[in-house]
C-alpha atoms as a PDB file:
ATOM      1  CA  MET A   1      84.594 -12.447-181.829  1.00  0.00           C
ATOM      2  CA  MET A   2      82.392 -11.052-184.581  1.00  0.00           C
ATOM      3  CA  ARG A   3      79.289 -11.854-182.568  1.00  0.00           C
ATOM      4  CA  ALA A   4      80.590  -9.959-179.559  1.00  0.00           C
ATOM      5  CA  ALA A   5      81.331  -6.934-181.715  1.00  0.00           C
ATOM      6  CA  LEU A   6      77.848  -7.024-183.259  1.00  0.00           C
ATOM      7  CA  ARG A   7      76.253  -7.368-179.822  1.00  0.00           C
ATOM      8  CA  THR A   8      78.242  -4.404-178.491  1.00  0.00           C
ATOM      9  CA  PHE A   9      77.400  -2.339-181.565  1.00  0.00           C
ATOM     10  CA  GLY A  10      73.699  -3.217-181.242  1.00  0.00           C
ATOM     11  CA  ARG A  11      73.712  -2.292-177.572  1.00  0.00           C
ATOM     12  CA  LEU A  12      75.410   1.089-178.331  1.00  0.00           C
ATOM     13  CA  LEU A  13      72.998   1.758-181.185  1.00  0.00           C
ATOM     14  CA  GLY A  14      70.012   1.460-178.876  1.00  0.00           C
ATOM     15  CA  ASP A  15      71.625   3.471-176.030  1.00  0.00           C
ATOM     16  CA  CYS A  16      70.289   7.059-175.869  1.00  0.00           C
ATOM     17  CA  ARG A  17      72.433   8.231-172.968  1.00  0.00           C
ATOM     18  CA  GLY A  18      74.455  11.308-173.937  1.00  0.00           C
ATOM     19  CA  ALA A  19      72.219  12.186-176.887  1.00  0.00           C
ATOM     20  CA  ALA A  20      71.350  15.560-175.380  1.00  0.00           C
ATOM     21  CA  ALA A  21      75.026  16.424-174.958  1.00  0.00           C
ATOM     22  CA  LEU A  22      75.719  15.489-178.567  1.00  0.00           C
ATOM     23  CA  GLU A  23      72.752  17.525-179.830  1.00  0.00           C
ATOM     24  CA  PHE A  24      73.814  20.507-177.708  1.00  0.00           C
ATOM     25  CA  SER A  25      77.347  20.362-179.102  1.00  0.00           C
ATOM     26  CA  LEU A  26      75.910  20.571-182.622  1.00  0.00           C
ATOM     27  CA  VAL A  27      73.633  23.525-181.798  1.00  0.00           C
ATOM     28  CA  ALA A  28      75.841  25.453-179.339  1.00  0.00           C
ATOM     29  CA  MET A  29      78.325  26.960-181.784  1.00  0.00           C
ATOM     30  CA  PRO A  30      75.778  28.392-184.256  1.00  0.00           C
ATOM     31  CA  LEU A  31      73.741  29.644-181.305  1.00  0.00           C
ATOM     32  CA  MET A  32      76.775  31.411-179.796  1.00  0.00           C
ATOM     33  CA  ILE A  33      77.655  32.938-183.167  1.00  0.00           C
ATOM     34  CA  LEU A  34      74.093  34.215-183.539  1.00  0.00           C
ATOM     35  CA  LEU A  35      74.049  35.595-179.999  1.00  0.00           C
ATOM     36  CA  ILE A  36      77.424  37.343-180.216  1.00  0.00           C
ATOM     37  CA  GLY A  37      76.641  38.656-183.707  1.00  0.00           C
ATOM     38  CA  SER A  38      73.303  40.025-182.504  1.00  0.00           C
ATOM     39  CA  ILE A  39      74.974  41.802-179.598  1.00  0.00           C
ATOM     40  CA  GLU A  40      77.638  43.278-181.869  1.00  0.00           C
ATOM     41  CA  MET A  41      75.068  44.471-184.419  1.00  0.00           C
ATOM     42  CA  ALA A  42      72.997  45.978-181.584  1.00  0.00           C
ATOM     43  CA  ILE A  43      76.044  47.896-180.376  1.00  0.00           C
ATOM     44  CA  GLY A  44      76.645  49.091-183.949  1.00  0.00           C
ATOM     45  CA  ALA A  45      73.015  50.232-184.204  1.00  0.00           C
ATOM     46  CA  PHE A  46      73.383  52.055-180.897  1.00  0.00           C
ATOM     47  CA  VAL A  47      76.490  53.846-182.181  1.00  0.00           C
ATOM     48  CA  GLY A  48      74.524  54.844-185.285  1.00  0.00           C
ATOM     49  CA  SER A  49      71.743  56.156-183.066  1.00  0.00           C
ATOM     50  CA  THR A  50      74.158  58.238-181.005  1.00  0.00           C
ATOM     51  CA  LEU A  51      75.631  59.674-184.216  1.00  0.00           C
ATOM     52  CA  GLU A  52      72.121  60.665-185.369  1.00  0.00           C
ATOM     53  CA  SER A  53      71.517  62.337-182.025  1.00  0.00           C
ATOM     54  CA  ALA A  54      74.900  64.065-182.171  1.00  0.00           C
ATOM     55  CA  VAL A  55      74.407  65.477-185.674  1.00  0.00           C
ATOM     56  CA  LEU A  56      70.959  66.799-184.737  1.00  0.00           C
ATOM     57  CA  GLU A  57      72.262  68.464-181.575  1.00  0.00           C
ATOM     58  CA  ALA A  58      75.274  69.901-183.406  1.00  0.00           C
ATOM     59  CA  SER A  59      73.028  71.366-186.105  1.00  0.00           C
ATOM     60  CA  ARG A  60      70.752  72.879-183.432  1.00  0.00           C
ATOM     61  CA  TYR A  61      73.762  74.653-182.014  1.00  0.00           C
ATOM     62  CA  GLY A  62      75.136  75.635-185.429  1.00  0.00           C
ATOM     63  CA  VAL A  63      71.948  77.244-186.761  1.00  0.00           C
ATOM     64  CA  THR A  64      71.915  79.797-183.961  1.00  0.00           C
ATOM     65  CA  GLY A  65      75.311  81.274-184.835  1.00  0.00           C
ATOM     66  CA  ALA A  66      76.023  81.473-181.116  1.00  0.00           C
ATOM     67  CA  THR A  67      79.618  81.610-179.987  1.00  0.00           C
ATOM     68  CA  ILE A  68      81.284  81.029-176.670  1.00  0.00           C
ATOM     69  CA  PRO A  69      84.222  83.316-175.852  1.00  0.00           C
ATOM     70  CA  GLY A  70      87.489  81.542-176.659  1.00  0.00           C
ATOM     71  CA  VAL A  71      85.779  78.639-178.521  1.00  0.00           C
ATOM     72  CA  SER A  72      85.139  78.663-182.273  1.00  0.00           C
ATOM     73  CA  ARG A  73      81.824  77.416-183.681  1.00  0.00           C
ATOM     74  CA  VAL A  74      83.669  74.467-185.280  1.00  0.00           C
ATOM     75  CA  GLU A  75      85.261  73.478-181.952  1.00  0.00           C
ATOM     76  CA  ARG A  76      81.891  73.767-180.222  1.00  0.00           C
ATOM     77  CA  VAL A  77      80.240  71.526-182.845  1.00  0.00           C
ATOM     78  CA  ARG A  78      82.978  68.918-182.243  1.00  0.00           C
ATOM     79  CA  ASP A  79      82.392  69.201-178.476  1.00  0.00           C
ATOM     80  CA  VAL A  80      78.657  68.652-178.937  1.00  0.00           C
ATOM     81  CA  ILE A  81      79.361  65.539-181.025  1.00  0.00           C
ATOM     82  CA  ARG A  82      81.890  64.247-178.482  1.00  0.00           C
ATOM     83  CA  ASN A  83      79.386  64.690-175.645  1.00  0.00           C
ATOM     84  CA  ARG A  84      76.401  63.164-177.485  1.00  0.00           C
ATOM     85  CA  THR A  85      78.303  60.028-178.555  1.00  0.00           C
ATOM     86  CA  ILE A  86      79.076  59.239-174.885  1.00  0.00           C
ATOM     87  CA  GLY A  87      82.604  58.023-175.532  1.00  0.00           C
ATOM     88  CA  LEU A  88      81.655  55.360-178.092  1.00  0.00           C
ATOM     89  CA  VAL A  89      83.201  57.291-180.975  1.00  0.00           C
ATOM     90  CA  ASP A  90      86.928  57.935-181.319  1.00  0.00           C
ATOM     91  CA  MET A  91      86.959  61.644-182.170  1.00  0.00           C
ATOM     92  CA  ASP A  92      90.352  61.254-183.891  1.00  0.00           C
ATOM     93  CA  ARG A  93      88.742  58.915-186.456  1.00  0.00           C
ATOM     94  CA  VAL A  94      85.371  60.606-186.952  1.00  0.00           C
ATOM     95  CA  GLU A  95      84.806  62.664-190.116  1.00  0.00           C
ATOM     96  CA  ILE A  96      82.701  65.779-189.635  1.00  0.00           C
ATOM     97  CA  ASP A  97      81.677  67.662-192.773  1.00  0.00           C
ATOM     98  CA  THR A  98      79.704  70.872-192.838  1.00  0.00           C
ATOM     99  CA  LEU A  99      78.895  72.218-196.290  1.00  0.00           C
ATOM    100  CA  ILE A 100      77.138  75.469-197.214  1.00  0.00           C
ATOM    101  CA  TYR A 101      74.702  75.574-200.156  1.00  0.00           C
ATOM    102  CA  PRO A 102      72.743  78.376-201.831  1.00  0.00           C
ATOM    103  CA  SER A 103      69.449  76.452-201.321  1.00  0.00           C
ATOM    104  CA  PHE A 104      68.129  73.056-200.245  1.00  0.00           C
ATOM    105  CA  ALA A 105      67.671  72.111-203.918  1.00  0.00           C
ATOM    106  CA  ASP A 106      71.422  72.541-204.518  1.00  0.00           C
ATOM    107  CA  ILE A 107      72.526  69.953-201.932  1.00  0.00           C
ATOM    108  CA  GLY A 108      74.706  67.322-203.604  1.00  0.00           C
ATOM    109  CA  ARG A 109      74.466  68.940-207.034  1.00  0.00           C
ATOM    110  CA  PRO A 110      77.551  69.662-209.165  1.00  0.00           C
ATOM    111  CA  GLU A 111      78.762  73.139-209.972  1.00  0.00           C
ATOM    112  CA  PRO A 112      77.128  74.392-213.183  1.00  0.00           C
ATOM    113  CA  PHE A 113      79.250  74.081-216.341  1.00  0.00           C
ATOM    114  CA  THR A 114      78.957  74.571-220.068  1.00  0.00           C
ATOM    115  CA  ASP A 115      79.060  71.189-221.791  1.00  0.00           C
ATOM    116  CA  VAL A 116      81.120  72.216-224.826  1.00  0.00           C
ATOM    117  CA  ASN A 117      81.502  68.724-226.315  1.00  0.00           C
ATOM    118  CA  LYS A 118      77.902  67.695-225.410  1.00  0.00           C
ATOM    119  CA  ASN A 119      78.874  64.445-223.642  1.00  0.00           C
ATOM    120  CA  GLY A 120      76.841  65.196-220.502  1.00  0.00           C
ATOM    121  CA  THR A 121      79.825  65.291-218.126  1.00  0.00           C
ATOM    122  CA  TYR A 122      82.332  67.923-217.103  1.00  0.00           C
ATOM    123  CA  ASP A 123      85.658  67.669-218.922  1.00  0.00           C
ATOM    124  CA  ALA A 124      88.807  69.601-217.983  1.00  0.00           C
ATOM    125  CA  GLY A 125      88.877  73.005-219.647  1.00  0.00           C
ATOM    126  CA  GLU A 126      85.112  73.429-219.962  1.00  0.00           C
ATOM    127  CA  PRO A 127      83.834  76.717-218.484  1.00  0.00           C
ATOM    128  CA  PHE A 128      82.089  76.425-215.098  1.00  0.00           C
ATOM    129  CA  THR A 129      80.697  78.576-212.320  1.00  0.00           C
ATOM    130  CA  ASP A 130      82.867  78.235-209.215  1.00  0.00           C
ATOM    131  CA  VAL A 131      80.070  78.282-206.628  1.00  0.00           C
ATOM    132  CA  ASN A 132      82.251  77.225-203.678  1.00  0.00           C
ATOM    133  CA  GLY A 133      85.180  79.461-204.638  1.00  0.00           C
ATOM    134  CA  ASN A 134      87.934  76.849-204.531  1.00  0.00           C
ATOM    135  CA  GLY A 135      89.202  77.489-208.078  1.00  0.00           C
ATOM    136  CA  GLN A 136      88.238  74.099-209.515  1.00  0.00           C
ATOM    137  CA  TRP A 137      85.090  72.335-210.740  1.00  0.00           C
ATOM    138  CA  ASP A 138      83.487  70.085-208.107  1.00  0.00           C
ATOM    139  CA  ALA A 139      80.884  67.339-208.376  1.00  0.00           C
ATOM    140  CA  ASP A 140      79.357  68.795-205.183  1.00  0.00           C
ATOM    141  CA  MET A 141      78.996  72.571-205.054  1.00  0.00           C
ATOM    142  CA  GLY A 142      78.974  72.713-201.243  1.00  0.00           C
ATOM    143  CA  LYS A 143      81.441  75.101-199.620  1.00  0.00           C
ATOM    144  CA  ALA A 144      83.101  73.981-196.374  1.00  0.00           C
ATOM    145  CA  GLY A 145      81.993  75.879-193.296  1.00  0.00           C
ATOM    146  CA  LEU A 146      79.099  76.574-190.943  1.00  0.00           C
ATOM    147  CA  GLY A 147      77.688  79.458-192.965  1.00  0.00           C
ATOM    148  CA  GLY A 148      76.180  82.753-192.054  1.00  0.00           C
ATOM    149  CA  PRO A 149      72.656  83.989-191.412  1.00  0.00           C
ATOM    150  CA  GLY A 150      70.089  82.314-193.672  1.00  0.00           C
ATOM    151  CA  ASP A 151      72.559  79.872-195.279  1.00  0.00           C
ATOM    152  CA  VAL A 152      71.622  76.252-195.912  1.00  0.00           C
ATOM    153  CA  VAL A 153      74.129  73.943-194.197  1.00  0.00           C
ATOM    154  CA  ILE A 154      74.396  70.173-194.254  1.00  0.00           C
ATOM    155  CA  TYR A 155      76.010  68.503-191.246  1.00  0.00           C
ATOM    156  CA  ARG A 156      77.424  65.044-191.954  1.00  0.00           C
ATOM    157  CA  ILE A 157      79.198  62.678-189.564  1.00  0.00           C
ATOM    158  CA  THR A 158      80.896  59.534-190.842  1.00  0.00           C
ATOM    159  CA  TYR A 159      82.479  56.974-188.542  1.00  0.00           C
ATOM    160  CA  ASP A 160      83.883  53.503-189.196  1.00  0.00           C
ATOM    161  CA  TRP A 161      82.889  51.291-186.261  1.00  0.00           C
ATOM    162  CA  GLY A 162      85.412  48.455-185.978  1.00  0.00           C
ATOM    163  CA  ILE A 163      83.887  44.984-185.773  1.00  0.00           C
ATOM    164  CA  ILE A 164      85.189  43.245-182.662  1.00  0.00           C
ATOM    165  CA  THR A 165      84.442  39.549-183.129  1.00  0.00           C
ATOM    166  CA  PRO A 166      86.472  37.740-185.801  1.00  0.00           C
ATOM    167  CA  LEU A 167      83.522  35.767-187.163  1.00  0.00           C
ATOM    168  CA  MET A 168      81.345  38.869-187.645  1.00  0.00           C
ATOM    169  CA  ASN A 169      84.403  40.489-189.189  1.00  0.00           C
ATOM    170  CA  ARG A 170      84.314  37.788-191.886  1.00  0.00           C
ATOM    171  CA  ILE A 171      80.562  38.174-192.415  1.00  0.00           C
ATOM    172  CA  VAL A 172      80.121  41.978-192.568  1.00  0.00           C
ATOM    173  CA  GLY A 173      83.720  43.104-193.040  1.00  0.00           C
ATOM    174  CA  PRO A 174      86.235  44.739-190.708  1.00  0.00           C
ATOM    175  CA  VAL A 175      84.217  47.957-190.263  1.00  0.00           C
ATOM    176  CA  LEU A 176      80.622  49.040-190.188  1.00  0.00           C
ATOM    177  CA  ARG A 177      80.418  52.501-191.782  1.00  0.00           C
ATOM    178  CA  GLN A 178      78.049  54.729-189.846  1.00  0.00           C
ATOM    179  CA  THR A 179      76.807  57.971-191.429  1.00  0.00           C
ATOM    180  CA  ALA A 180      74.390  60.561-190.094  1.00  0.00           C
ATOM    181  CA  SER A 181      73.425  63.831-191.742  1.00  0.00           C
ATOM    182  CA  VAL A 182      70.936  66.654-191.493  1.00  0.00           C
ATOM    183  CA  ALA A 183      70.332  69.761-193.613  1.00  0.00           C
ATOM    184  CA  VAL A 184      69.240  72.990-191.912  1.00  0.00           C
ATOM    185  CA  ARG A 185      68.835  76.686-192.650  1.00  0.00           C
ATOM    186  CA  ASN A 186      70.718  78.997-190.299  1.00  0.00           C
ATOM    187  CA  GLU A 187      68.688  81.465-188.286  1.00  0.00           C
ATOM    188  CA  PRO A 188      69.069  85.169-189.051  1.00  0.00           C
ATOM    189  CA  PHE A 189      71.678  85.729-186.328  1.00  0.00           C
END
């Protein structure tokens, strides 16, 4: 009985039939994960590209100060973004920020303040210059809006692209945050 088992085992050990199927089963799953992940990341990159295109086109419209009867400049900027993202972006979830600055050098800078206690940061009660006119000190002096003639405006679009495949969701997280921005100076309209 033992001899028969050893003979059968020896015969199976030398048999190469089905080896390709076994090797394929070991390689197929990682290959599929890589393929699907690559496609999903490519779609995410394409969405990012459309957002870049949309913010550039929106800023081109915004710098002119042009208006269409019955449509505000803000609504028109949203329409431009909707059209340029070709339906890939849910406009209810997209964040569109337009901030006005005194100059390009002021973009992202805090409102000036007097550092009374010399700790290098703004503390409540310290005097400050309210550049954006909202009645409080802000870490970014930008004022919301599209600005007037000659103003510096930054257009920023942020969108959280939801990851579709569960495995990629575990690798990169549930969303891929896409951000596009451009700073421009309005024309003298």
